[in-house]
């Protein structure tokens, strides 16, 4: 399942985040498992909403390892606009949104 699909990824997992450096690790661990299992069929899109903590560093470390599409807002644009911004990043046919303090169920993503 790691071949590159002709039409791009099937599923985008979109993560809007703001000042969550300390709570992103559980989500990123589960996103890493999703990428390991589904490869190019899944894209990960992250929009950092002008965080003032170490969120940028945590996000960039994850993105380097898992080829996530990351955008950093210059300032906080508000929660709703950040959700819209991360949706605009996706290329996949389908998308889901994930809270920045959530964890994903690998089997549920597969279904």
PDB file of N, CA and C in Angstrom:
ATOM      1  N   UNK A   1       0.806  -1.204   0.000  1.00  0.00           N
ATOM      2  CA  UNK A   1       0.000   0.000   0.000  1.00  0.00           C
ATOM      3  C   UNK A   1       0.846   1.265   0.000  1.00  0.00           C
ATOM      4  N   UNK A   2       2.111   1.187  -0.257  1.00  0.00           N
ATOM      5  CA  UNK A   2       2.947   2.374  -0.207  1.00  0.00           C
ATOM      6  C   UNK A   2       3.252   2.966  -1.570  1.00  0.00           C
ATOM      7  N   UNK A   3       2.661   2.456  -2.628  1.00  0.00           N
ATOM      8  CA  UNK A   3       2.890   3.037  -3.946  1.00  0.00           C
ATOM      9  C   UNK A   3       2.201   4.394  -4.048  1.00  0.00           C
ATOM     10  N   UNK A   4       2.749   5.253  -4.891  1.00  0.00           N
ATOM     11  CA  UNK A   4       2.175   6.585  -5.066  1.00  0.00           C
ATOM     12  C   UNK A   4       0.980   6.488  -5.998  1.00  0.00           C
ATOM     13  N   UNK A   5      -0.224   6.850  -5.525  1.00  0.00           N
ATOM     14  CA  UNK A   5      -1.401   6.798  -6.386  1.00  0.00           C
ATOM     15  C   UNK A   5      -1.307   7.845  -7.499  1.00  0.00           C
ATOM     16  N   UNK A   6      -1.852   7.526  -8.645  1.00  0.00           N
ATOM     17  CA  UNK A   6      -1.815   8.428  -9.790  1.00  0.00           C
ATOM     18  C   UNK A   6      -2.557   9.730  -9.471  1.00  0.00           C
ATOM     19  N   UNK A   7      -3.685   9.638  -8.822  1.00  0.00           N
ATOM     20  CA  UNK A   7      -4.519  10.807  -8.557  1.00  0.00           C
ATOM     21  C   UNK A   7      -4.192  11.496  -7.237  1.00  0.00           C
ATOM     22  N   UNK A   8      -3.139  11.103  -6.564  1.00  0.00           N
ATOM     23  CA  UNK A   8      -2.783  11.701  -5.286  1.00  0.00           C
ATOM     24  C   UNK A   8      -3.314  10.882  -4.127  1.00  0.00           C
ATOM     25  N   UNK A   9      -3.147  11.390  -2.923  1.00  0.00           N
ATOM     26  CA  UNK A   9      -3.582  10.650  -1.733  1.00  0.00           C
ATOM     27  C   UNK A   9      -5.099  10.459  -1.699  1.00  0.00           C
ATOM     28  N   UNK A  10      -5.521   9.403  -1.044  1.00  0.00           N
ATOM     29  CA  UNK A  10      -6.946   9.126  -0.887  1.00  0.00           C
ATOM     30  C   UNK A  10      -7.529   9.895   0.300  1.00  0.00           C
ATOM     31  N   UNK A  11      -6.761   9.994   1.375  1.00  0.00           N
ATOM     32  CA  UNK A  11      -7.252  10.589   2.620  1.00  0.00           C
ATOM     33  C   UNK A  11      -6.268  11.624   3.149  1.00  0.00           C
ATOM     34  N   UNK A  12      -6.791  12.771   3.531  1.00  0.00           N
ATOM     35  CA  UNK A  12      -6.003  13.793   4.223  1.00  0.00           C
ATOM     36  C   UNK A  12      -6.433  13.813   5.680  1.00  0.00           C
ATOM     37  N   UNK A  13      -5.458  13.810   6.555  1.00  0.00           N
ATOM     38  CA  UNK A  13      -5.723  14.000   7.975  1.00  0.00           C
ATOM     39  C   UNK A  13      -5.254  15.414   8.294  1.00  0.00           C
ATOM     40  N   UNK A  14      -6.204  16.269   8.633  1.00  0.00           N
ATOM     41  CA  UNK A  14      -5.953  17.694   8.823  1.00  0.00           C
ATOM     42  C   UNK A  14      -5.912  18.028  10.307  1.00  0.00           C
ATOM     43  N   UNK A  15      -4.857  18.714  10.717  1.00  0.00           N
ATOM     44  CA  UNK A  15      -4.668  19.041  12.124  1.00  0.00           C
ATOM     45  C   UNK A  15      -4.458  20.547  12.271  1.00  0.00           C
ATOM     46  N   UNK A  16      -5.484  21.276  12.708  1.00  0.00           N
ATOM     47  CA  UNK A  16      -5.272  22.668  13.094  1.00  0.00           C
ATOM     48  C   UNK A  16      -4.735  22.673  14.519  1.00  0.00           C
ATOM     49  N   UNK A  17      -3.739  23.497  14.790  1.00  0.00           N
ATOM     50  CA  UNK A  17      -3.162  23.498  16.134  1.00  0.00           C
ATOM     51  C   UNK A  17      -2.789  24.898  16.587  1.00  0.00           C
ATOM     52  N   UNK A  18      -2.757  25.072  17.893  1.00  0.00           N
ATOM     53  CA  UNK A  18      -2.338  26.336  18.503  1.00  0.00           C
ATOM     54  C   UNK A  18      -1.825  26.056  19.911  1.00  0.00           C
ATOM     55  N   UNK A  19      -0.576  26.392  20.156  1.00  0.00           N
ATOM     56  CA  UNK A  19       0.052  26.273  21.486  1.00  0.00           C
ATOM     57  C   UNK A  19      -0.161  24.903  22.131  1.00  0.00           C
ATOM     58  N   UNK A  20       0.140  23.847  21.387  1.00  0.00           N
ATOM     59  CA  UNK A  20      -0.045  22.485  21.900  1.00  0.00           C
ATOM     60  C   UNK A  20       1.251  21.670  21.886  1.00  0.00           C
ATOM     61  N   UNK A  21       2.371  22.314  21.999  1.00  0.00           N
ATOM     62  CA  UNK A  21       3.658  21.599  21.949  1.00  0.00           C
ATOM     63  C   UNK A  21       3.678  20.414  22.904  1.00  0.00           C
ATOM     64  N   UNK A  22       3.120  20.580  24.078  1.00  0.00           N
ATOM     65  CA  UNK A  22       3.186  19.514  25.088  1.00  0.00           C
ATOM     66  C   UNK A  22       2.187  18.392  24.848  1.00  0.00           C
ATOM     67  N   UNK A  23       1.171  18.606  24.010  1.00  0.00           N
ATOM     68  CA  UNK A  23       0.171  17.553  23.835  1.00  0.00           C
ATOM     69  C   UNK A  23       0.120  16.966  22.431  1.00  0.00           C
ATOM     70  N   UNK A  24       0.987  17.392  21.535  1.00  0.00           N
ATOM     71  CA  UNK A  24       0.988  16.868  20.170  1.00  0.00           C
ATOM     72  C   UNK A  24       1.641  15.495  20.048  1.00  0.00           C
ATOM     73  N   UNK A  25       2.436  15.104  21.021  1.00  0.00           N
ATOM     74  CA  UNK A  25       3.219  13.869  20.899  1.00  0.00           C
ATOM     75  C   UNK A  25       2.348  12.619  20.733  1.00  0.00           C
ATOM     76  N   UNK A  26       1.254  12.498  21.479  1.00  0.00           N
ATOM     77  CA  UNK A  26       0.381  11.321  21.327  1.00  0.00           C
ATOM     78  C   UNK A  26      -0.250  11.277  19.939  1.00  0.00           C
ATOM     79  N   UNK A  27      -0.727  12.421  19.476  1.00  0.00           N
ATOM     80  CA  UNK A  27      -1.304  12.479  18.137  1.00  0.00           C
ATOM     81  C   UNK A  27      -0.252  12.125  17.092  1.00  0.00           C
ATOM     82  N   UNK A  28       0.930  12.687  17.209  1.00  0.00           N
ATOM     83  CA  UNK A  28       1.971  12.437  16.212  1.00  0.00           C
ATOM     84  C   UNK A  28       2.428  10.985  16.228  1.00  0.00           C
ATOM     85  N   UNK A  29       2.433  10.352  17.382  1.00  0.00           N
ATOM     86  CA  UNK A  29       2.763   8.924  17.441  1.00  0.00           C
ATOM     87  C   UNK A  29       1.731   8.121  16.637  1.00  0.00           C
ATOM     88  N   UNK A  30       0.455   8.421  16.810  1.00  0.00           N
ATOM     89  CA  UNK A  30      -0.570   7.680  16.076  1.00  0.00           C
ATOM     90  C   UNK A  30      -0.572   8.048  14.593  1.00  0.00           C
ATOM     91  N   UNK A  31      -0.273   9.303  14.248  1.00  0.00           N
ATOM     92  CA  UNK A  31      -0.167   9.686  12.837  1.00  0.00           C
ATOM     93  C   UNK A  31       1.018   8.989  12.173  1.00  0.00           C
ATOM     94  N   UNK A  32       2.104   8.819  12.905  1.00  0.00           N
ATOM     95  CA  UNK A  32       3.254   8.089  12.378  1.00  0.00           C
ATOM     96  C   UNK A  32       2.891   6.653  12.045  1.00  0.00           C
ATOM     97  N   UNK A  33       2.087   6.022  12.886  1.00  0.00           N
ATOM     98  CA  UNK A  33       1.639   4.646  12.627  1.00  0.00           C
ATOM     99  C   UNK A  33       0.745   4.594  11.389  1.00  0.00           C
ATOM    100  N   UNK A  34      -0.100   5.599  11.214  1.00  0.00           N
ATOM    101  CA  UNK A  34      -0.967   5.660  10.028  1.00  0.00           C
ATOM    102  C   UNK A  34      -0.110   5.781   8.765  1.00  0.00           C
ATOM    103  N   UNK A  35       0.873   6.678   8.782  1.00  0.00           N
ATOM    104  CA  UNK A  35       1.757   6.849   7.616  1.00  0.00           C
ATOM    105  C   UNK A  35       2.543   5.569   7.338  1.00  0.00           C
ATOM    106  N   UNK A  36       3.001   4.887   8.383  1.00  0.00           N
ATOM    107  CA  UNK A  36       3.758   3.646   8.194  1.00  0.00           C
ATOM    108  C   UNK A  36       2.892   2.581   7.528  1.00  0.00           C
ATOM    109  N   UNK A  37       1.637   2.537   7.882  1.00  0.00           N
ATOM    110  CA  UNK A  37       0.754   1.505   7.326  1.00  0.00           C
ATOM    111  C   UNK A  37       0.219   1.857   5.935  1.00  0.00           C
ATOM    112  N   UNK A  38      -0.136   3.111   5.710  1.00  0.00           N
ATOM    113  CA  UNK A  38      -0.821   3.482   4.471  1.00  0.00           C
ATOM    114  C   UNK A  38       0.033   4.303   3.501  1.00  0.00           C
ATOM    115  N   UNK A  39       1.183   4.733   3.921  1.00  0.00           N
ATOM    116  CA  UNK A  39       2.113   5.432   3.035  1.00  0.00           C
ATOM    117  C   UNK A  39       1.510   6.613   2.320  1.00  0.00           C
ATOM    118  N   UNK A  40       1.697   6.644   0.997  1.00  0.00           N
ATOM    119  CA  UNK A  40       1.272   7.782   0.181  1.00  0.00           C
ATOM    120  C   UNK A  40      -0.239   7.891   0.032  1.00  0.00           C
ATOM    121  N   UNK A  41      -0.977   6.890   0.460  1.00  0.00           N
ATOM    122  CA  UNK A  41      -2.440   6.981   0.365  1.00  0.00           C
ATOM    123  C   UNK A  41      -3.014   7.979   1.367  1.00  0.00           C
ATOM    124  N   UNK A  42      -2.198   8.346   2.353  1.00  0.00           N
ATOM    125  CA  UNK A  42      -2.625   9.297   3.383  1.00  0.00           C
ATOM    126  C   UNK A  42      -1.661  10.475   3.379  1.00  0.00           C
ATOM    127  N   UNK A  43      -2.223  11.679   3.390  1.00  0.00           N
ATOM    128  CA  UNK A  43      -1.395  12.872   3.574  1.00  0.00           C
ATOM    129  C   UNK A  43      -1.759  13.498   4.913  1.00  0.00           C
ATOM    130  N   UNK A  44      -0.787  14.130   5.522  1.00  0.00           N
ATOM    131  CA  UNK A  44      -1.000  14.804   6.799  1.00  0.00           C
ATOM    132  C   UNK A  44      -0.782  16.291   6.576  1.00  0.00           C
ATOM    133  N   UNK A  45      -1.800  17.081   6.913  1.00  0.00           N
ATOM    134  CA  UNK A  45      -1.751  18.535   6.757  1.00  0.00           C
ATOM    135  C   UNK A  45      -1.879  19.169   8.138  1.00  0.00           C
ATOM    136  N   UNK A  46      -0.973  20.071   8.450  1.00  0.00           N
ATOM    137  CA  UNK A  46      -0.969  20.721   9.764  1.00  0.00           C
ATOM    138  C   UNK A  46      -0.920  22.225   9.554  1.00  0.00           C
ATOM    139  N   UNK A  47      -1.794  22.944  10.251  1.00  0.00           N
ATOM    140  CA  UNK A  47      -1.767  24.401  10.239  1.00  0.00           C
ATOM    141  C   UNK A  47      -1.553  24.899  11.660  1.00  0.00           C
ATOM    142  N   UNK A  48      -0.382  25.471  11.898  1.00  0.00           N
ATOM    143  CA  UNK A  48      -0.016  26.029  13.193  1.00  0.00           C
ATOM    144  C   UNK A  48      -0.492  27.479  13.234  1.00  0.00           C
ATOM    145  N   UNK A  49      -1.390  27.764  14.133  1.00  0.00           N
ATOM    146  CA  UNK A  49      -2.098  29.044  14.185  1.00  0.00           C
ATOM    147  C   UNK A  49      -1.341  30.117  14.965  1.00  0.00           C
ATOM    148  N   UNK A  50      -0.097  30.379  14.558  1.00  0.00           N
ATOM    149  CA  UNK A  50       0.672  31.443  15.203  1.00  0.00           C
ATOM    150  C   UNK A  50       1.042  31.130  16.640  1.00  0.00           C
ATOM    151  N   UNK A  51       1.336  29.882  16.941  1.00  0.00           N
ATOM    152  CA  UNK A  51       1.666  29.473  18.314  1.00  0.00           C
ATOM    153  C   UNK A  51       2.845  30.263  18.866  1.00  0.00           C
ATOM    154  N   UNK A  52       2.787  30.516  20.171  1.00  0.00           N
ATOM    155  CA  UNK A  52       3.858  31.243  20.847  1.00  0.00           C
ATOM    156  C   UNK A  52       4.705  30.331  21.731  1.00  0.00           C
ATOM    157  N   UNK A  53       4.358  29.050  21.792  1.00  0.00           N
ATOM    158  CA  UNK A  53       5.165  28.080  22.536  1.00  0.00           C
ATOM    159  C   UNK A  53       6.062  27.333  21.537  1.00  0.00           C
ATOM    160  N   UNK A  54       6.488  26.135  21.843  1.00  0.00           N
ATOM    161  CA  UNK A  54       7.380  25.363  20.980  1.00  0.00           C
ATOM    162  C   UNK A  54       6.640  24.501  19.949  1.00  0.00           C
ATOM    163  N   UNK A  55       5.391  24.817  19.672  1.00  0.00           N
ATOM    164  CA  UNK A  55       4.620  24.032  18.704  1.00  0.00           C
ATOM    165  C   UNK A  55       5.313  23.970  17.351  1.00  0.00           C
ATOM    166  N   UNK A  56       5.868  25.072  16.891  1.00  0.00           N
ATOM    167  CA  UNK A  56       6.546  25.093  15.590  1.00  0.00           C
ATOM    168  C   UNK A  56       7.662  24.044  15.541  1.00  0.00           C
ATOM    169  N   UNK A  57       8.459  23.960  16.575  1.00  0.00           N
ATOM    170  CA  UNK A  57       9.576  23.004  16.619  1.00  0.00           C
ATOM    171  C   UNK A  57       9.057  21.569  16.598  1.00  0.00           C
ATOM    172  N   UNK A  58       8.040  21.280  17.414  1.00  0.00           N
ATOM    173  CA  UNK A  58       7.468  19.933  17.486  1.00  0.00           C
ATOM    174  C   UNK A  58       6.874  19.543  16.133  1.00  0.00           C
ATOM    175  N   UNK A  59       6.149  20.452  15.514  1.00  0.00           N
ATOM    176  CA  UNK A  59       5.521  20.194  14.216  1.00  0.00           C
ATOM    177  C   UNK A  59       6.583  19.971  13.141  1.00  0.00           C
ATOM    178  N   UNK A  60       7.599  20.811  13.096  1.00  0.00           N
ATOM    179  CA  UNK A  60       8.649  20.679  12.078  1.00  0.00           C
ATOM    180  C   UNK A  60       9.418  19.371  12.237  1.00  0.00           C
ATOM    181  N   UNK A  61       9.691  18.958  13.467  1.00  0.00           N
ATOM    182  CA  UNK A  61      10.363  17.669  13.693  1.00  0.00           C
ATOM    183  C   UNK A  61       9.523  16.521  13.133  1.00  0.00           C
ATOM    184  N   UNK A  62       8.233  16.542  13.417  1.00  0.00           N
ATOM    185  CA  UNK A  62       7.339  15.504  12.900  1.00  0.00           C
ATOM    186  C   UNK A  62       7.280  15.548  11.372  1.00  0.00           C
ATOM    187  N   UNK A  63       7.156  16.738  10.811  1.00  0.00           N
ATOM    188  CA  UNK A  63       7.013  16.897   9.360  1.00  0.00           C
ATOM    189  C   UNK A  63       8.225  16.371   8.613  1.00  0.00           C
ATOM    190  N   UNK A  64       9.415  16.586   9.154  1.00  0.00           N
ATOM    191  CA  UNK A  64      10.626  16.084   8.501  1.00  0.00           C
ATOM    192  C   UNK A  64      10.618  14.565   8.415  1.00  0.00           C
ATOM    193  N   UNK A  65      10.161  13.914   9.448  1.00  0.00           N
ATOM    194  CA  UNK A  65      10.165  12.455   9.490  1.00  0.00           C
ATOM    195  C   UNK A  65       9.031  11.834   8.673  1.00  0.00           C
ATOM    196  N   UNK A  66       7.893  12.525   8.576  1.00  0.00           N
ATOM    197  CA  UNK A  66       6.702  11.916   7.973  1.00  0.00           C
ATOM    198  C   UNK A  66       6.156  12.678   6.764  1.00  0.00           C
ATOM    199  N   UNK A  67       6.932  13.582   6.217  1.00  0.00           N
ATOM    200  CA  UNK A  67       6.550  14.319   5.005  1.00  0.00           C
ATOM    201  C   UNK A  67       5.178  14.979   5.123  1.00  0.00           C
ATOM    202  N   UNK A  68       4.922  15.606   6.254  1.00  0.00           N
ATOM    203  CA  UNK A  68       3.656  16.315   6.442  1.00  0.00           C
ATOM    204  C   UNK A  68       3.717  17.674   5.754  1.00  0.00           C
ATOM    205  N   UNK A  69       2.566  18.140   5.294  1.00  0.00           N
ATOM    206  CA  UNK A  69       2.431  19.470   4.706  1.00  0.00           C
ATOM    207  C   UNK A  69       2.094  20.430   5.841  1.00  0.00           C
ATOM    208  N   UNK A  70       3.012  21.332   6.150  1.00  0.00           N
ATOM    209  CA  UNK A  70       2.857  22.223   7.300  1.00  0.00           C
ATOM    210  C   UNK A  70       2.793  23.671   6.843  1.00  0.00           C
ATOM    211  N   UNK A  71       1.870  24.400   7.428  1.00  0.00           N
ATOM    212  CA  UNK A  71       1.788  25.856   7.245  1.00  0.00           C
ATOM    213  C   UNK A  71       1.833  26.482   8.634  1.00  0.00           C
ATOM    214  N   UNK A  72       2.575  27.558   8.749  1.00  0.00           N
ATOM    215  CA  UNK A  72       2.634  28.307  10.004  1.00  0.00           C
ATOM    216  C   UNK A  72       2.011  29.679   9.751  1.00  0.00           C
ATOM    217  N   UNK A  73       0.898  29.945  10.418  1.00  0.00           N
ATOM    218  CA  UNK A  73       0.284  31.266  10.311  1.00  0.00           C
ATOM    219  C   UNK A  73       1.198  32.277  11.009  1.00  0.00           C
ATOM    220  N   UNK A  74       1.308  33.465  10.454  1.00  0.00           N
ATOM    221  CA  UNK A  74       2.166  34.506  11.022  1.00  0.00           C
ATOM    222  C   UNK A  74       1.641  34.949  12.385  1.00  0.00           C
ATOM    223  N   UNK A  75       0.328  34.974  12.509  1.00  0.00           N
ATOM    224  CA  UNK A  75      -0.308  35.316  13.785  1.00  0.00           C
ATOM    225  C   UNK A  75      -1.560  34.455  13.922  1.00  0.00           C
ATOM    226  N   UNK A  76      -2.164  34.493  15.090  1.00  0.00           N
ATOM    227  CA  UNK A  76      -3.374  33.704  15.341  1.00  0.00           C
ATOM    228  C   UNK A  76      -4.521  34.279  14.518  1.00  0.00           C
ATOM    229  N   UNK A  77      -5.035  33.467  13.595  1.00  0.00           N
ATOM    230  CA  UNK A  77      -6.130  33.908  12.720  1.00  0.00           C
ATOM    231  C   UNK A  77      -7.494  33.454  13.231  1.00  0.00           C
ATOM    232  N   UNK A  78      -7.507  32.811  14.400  1.00  0.00           N
ATOM    233  CA  UNK A  78      -8.748  32.302  14.968  1.00  0.00           C
ATOM    234  C   UNK A  78      -8.957  30.844  14.594  1.00  0.00           C
ATOM    235  N   UNK A  79      -9.671  30.142  15.435  1.00  0.00           N
ATOM    236  CA  UNK A  79      -9.864  28.710  15.258  1.00  0.00           C
ATOM    237  C   UNK A  79     -10.557  28.340  13.954  1.00  0.00           C
ATOM    238  N   UNK A  80     -11.640  29.026  13.629  1.00  0.00           N
ATOM    239  CA  UNK A  80     -12.397  28.696  12.418  1.00  0.00           C
ATOM    240  C   UNK A  80     -11.568  28.916  11.164  1.00  0.00           C
ATOM    241  N   UNK A  81     -10.872  30.040  11.071  1.00  0.00           N
ATOM    242  CA  UNK A  81     -10.048  30.301   9.891  1.00  0.00           C
ATOM    243  C   UNK A  81      -8.864  29.340   9.814  1.00  0.00           C
ATOM    244  N   UNK A  82      -8.364  28.878  10.948  1.00  0.00           N
ATOM    245  CA  UNK A  82      -7.281  27.905  10.922  1.00  0.00           C
ATOM    246  C   UNK A  82      -7.780  26.549  10.404  1.00  0.00           C
ATOM    247  N   UNK A  83      -9.001  26.185  10.747  1.00  0.00           N
ATOM    248  CA  UNK A  83      -9.598  24.952  10.207  1.00  0.00           C
ATOM    249  C   UNK A  83      -9.773  25.088   8.695  1.00  0.00           C
ATOM    250  N   UNK A  84     -10.233  26.228   8.244  1.00  0.00           N
ATOM    251  CA  UNK A  84     -10.378  26.469   6.808  1.00  0.00           C
ATOM    252  C   UNK A  84      -9.010  26.435   6.125  1.00  0.00           C
ATOM    253  N   UNK A  85      -8.009  27.022   6.766  1.00  0.00           N
ATOM    254  CA  UNK A  85      -6.658  27.049   6.190  1.00  0.00           C
ATOM    255  C   UNK A  85      -6.105  25.644   6.012  1.00  0.00           C
ATOM    256  N   UNK A  86      -6.253  24.798   7.009  1.00  0.00           N
ATOM    257  CA  UNK A  86      -5.714  23.439   6.892  1.00  0.00           C
ATOM    258  C   UNK A  86      -6.491  22.635   5.845  1.00  0.00           C
ATOM    259  N   UNK A  87      -7.766  22.903   5.699  1.00  0.00           N
ATOM    260  CA  UNK A  87      -8.551  22.234   4.650  1.00  0.00           C
ATOM    261  C   UNK A  87      -8.044  22.630   3.268  1.00  0.00           C
ATOM    262  N   UNK A  88      -7.601  23.865   3.116  1.00  0.00           N
ATOM    263  CA  UNK A  88      -7.079  24.333   1.844  1.00  0.00           C
ATOM    264  C   UNK A  88      -5.757  23.697   1.453  1.00  0.00           C
ATOM    265  N   UNK A  89      -5.082  23.091   2.386  1.00  0.00           N
ATOM    266  CA  UNK A  89      -3.808  22.435   2.109  1.00  0.00           C
ATOM    267  C   UNK A  89      -3.980  21.060   1.465  1.00  0.00           C
ATOM    268  N   UNK A  90      -5.114  20.428   1.689  1.00  0.00           N
ATOM    269  CA  UNK A  90      -5.251  19.027   1.283  1.00  0.00           C
ATOM    270  C   UNK A  90      -5.415  18.849  -0.222  1.00  0.00           C
ATOM    271  N   UNK A  91      -4.816  17.756  -0.706  1.00  0.00           N
ATOM    272  CA  UNK A  91      -4.925  17.364  -2.109  1.00  0.00           C
ATOM    273  C   UNK A  91      -5.784  16.111  -2.249  1.00  0.00           C
ATOM    274  N   UNK A  92      -6.028  15.435  -1.150  1.00  0.00           N
ATOM    275  CA  UNK A  92      -6.721  14.147  -1.156  1.00  0.00           C
ATOM    276  C   UNK A  92      -8.191  14.300  -1.521  1.00  0.00           C
ATOM    277  N   UNK A  93      -8.761  13.176  -1.904  1.00  0.00           N
ATOM    278  CA  UNK A  93     -10.186  13.139  -2.251  1.00  0.00           C
ATOM    279  C   UNK A  93     -11.056  13.303  -1.007  1.00  0.00           C
ATOM    280  N   UNK A  94     -10.633  12.736   0.105  1.00  0.00           N
ATOM    281  CA  UNK A  94     -11.390  12.768   1.356  1.00  0.00           C
ATOM    282  C   UNK A  94     -10.518  13.377   2.436  1.00  0.00           C
ATOM    283  N   UNK A  95     -11.162  13.976   3.417  1.00  0.00           N
ATOM    284  CA  UNK A  95     -10.416  14.571   4.520  1.00  0.00           C
ATOM    285  C   UNK A  95     -11.123  14.384   5.842  1.00  0.00           C
ATOM    286  N   UNK A  96     -10.330  14.258   6.878  1.00  0.00           N
ATOM    287  CA  UNK A  96     -10.856  14.257   8.246  1.00  0.00           C
ATOM    288  C   UNK A  96     -10.051  15.262   9.053  1.00  0.00           C
ATOM    289  N   UNK A  97     -10.676  15.789  10.079  1.00  0.00           N
ATOM    290  CA  UNK A  97     -10.011  16.737  10.964  1.00  0.00           C
ATOM    291  C   UNK A  97      -9.734  16.042  12.275  1.00  0.00           C
ATOM    292  N   UNK A  98      -8.616  16.374  12.836  1.00  0.00           N
ATOM    293  CA  UNK A  98      -8.171  15.762  14.078  1.00  0.00           C
ATOM    294  C   UNK A  98      -7.855  16.866  15.071  1.00  0.00           C
ATOM    295  N   UNK A  99      -8.336  16.742  16.278  1.00  0.00           N
ATOM    296  CA  UNK A  99      -7.940  17.677  17.313  1.00  0.00           C
ATOM    297  C   UNK A  99      -6.469  17.499  17.640  1.00  0.00           C
ATOM    298  N   UNK A 100      -5.806  18.576  18.017  1.00  0.00           N
ATOM    299  CA  UNK A 100      -4.369  18.498  18.268  1.00  0.00           C
ATOM    300  C   UNK A 100      -4.017  17.776  19.564  1.00  0.00           C
ATOM    301  N   UNK A 101      -5.024  17.364  20.307  1.00  0.00           N
ATOM    302  CA  UNK A 101      -4.764  16.553  21.506  1.00  0.00           C
ATOM    303  C   UNK A 101      -5.430  15.179  21.396  1.00  0.00           C
ATOM    304  N   UNK A 102      -5.799  14.776  20.176  1.00  0.00           N
ATOM    305  CA  UNK A 102      -6.432  13.481  19.926  1.00  0.00           C
ATOM    306  C   UNK A 102      -5.394  12.406  19.651  1.00  0.00           C
ATOM    307  N   UNK A 103      -5.867  11.183  19.541  1.00  0.00           N
ATOM    308  CA  UNK A 103      -5.103  10.058  19.027  1.00  0.00           C
ATOM    309  C   UNK A 103      -5.970   9.359  18.002  1.00  0.00           C
ATOM    310  N   UNK A 104      -5.346   8.751  16.994  1.00  0.00           N
ATOM    311  CA  UNK A 104      -6.092   8.077  15.942  1.00  0.00           C
ATOM    312  C   UNK A 104      -6.103   6.572  16.189  1.00  0.00           C
ATOM    313  N   UNK A 105      -7.204   5.939  15.822  1.00  0.00           N
ATOM    314  CA  UNK A 105      -7.336   4.493  15.874  1.00  0.00           C
ATOM    315  C   UNK A 105      -6.953   3.964  14.493  1.00  0.00           C
ATOM    316  N   UNK A 106      -5.823   3.277  14.408  1.00  0.00           N
ATOM    317  CA  UNK A 106      -5.298   2.779  13.142  1.00  0.00           C
ATOM    318  C   UNK A 106      -6.307   1.917  12.402  1.00  0.00           C
ATOM    319  N   UNK A 107      -7.017   1.072  13.115  1.00  0.00           N
ATOM    320  CA  UNK A 107      -8.008   0.206  12.465  1.00  0.00           C
ATOM    321  C   UNK A 107      -9.182   0.999  11.922  1.00  0.00           C
ATOM    322  N   UNK A 108      -9.596   2.028  12.630  1.00  0.00           N
ATOM    323  CA  UNK A 108     -10.702   2.862  12.150  1.00  0.00           C
ATOM    324  C   UNK A 108     -10.308   3.598  10.871  1.00  0.00           C
ATOM    325  N   UNK A 109      -9.090   4.077  10.794  1.00  0.00           N
ATOM    326  CA  UNK A 109      -8.614   4.751   9.577  1.00  0.00           C
ATOM    327  C   UNK A 109      -8.624   3.751   8.418  1.00  0.00           C
ATOM    328  N   UNK A 110      -8.217   2.537   8.660  1.00  0.00           N
ATOM    329  CA  UNK A 110      -8.199   1.502   7.628  1.00  0.00           C
ATOM    330  C   UNK A 110      -9.578   1.190   7.094  1.00  0.00           C
ATOM    331  N   UNK A 111     -10.562   1.194   7.979  1.00  0.00           N
ATOM    332  CA  UNK A 111     -11.936   0.905   7.534  1.00  0.00           C
ATOM    333  C   UNK A 111     -12.467   2.066   6.745  1.00  0.00           C
TER     334      UNK A 111
END
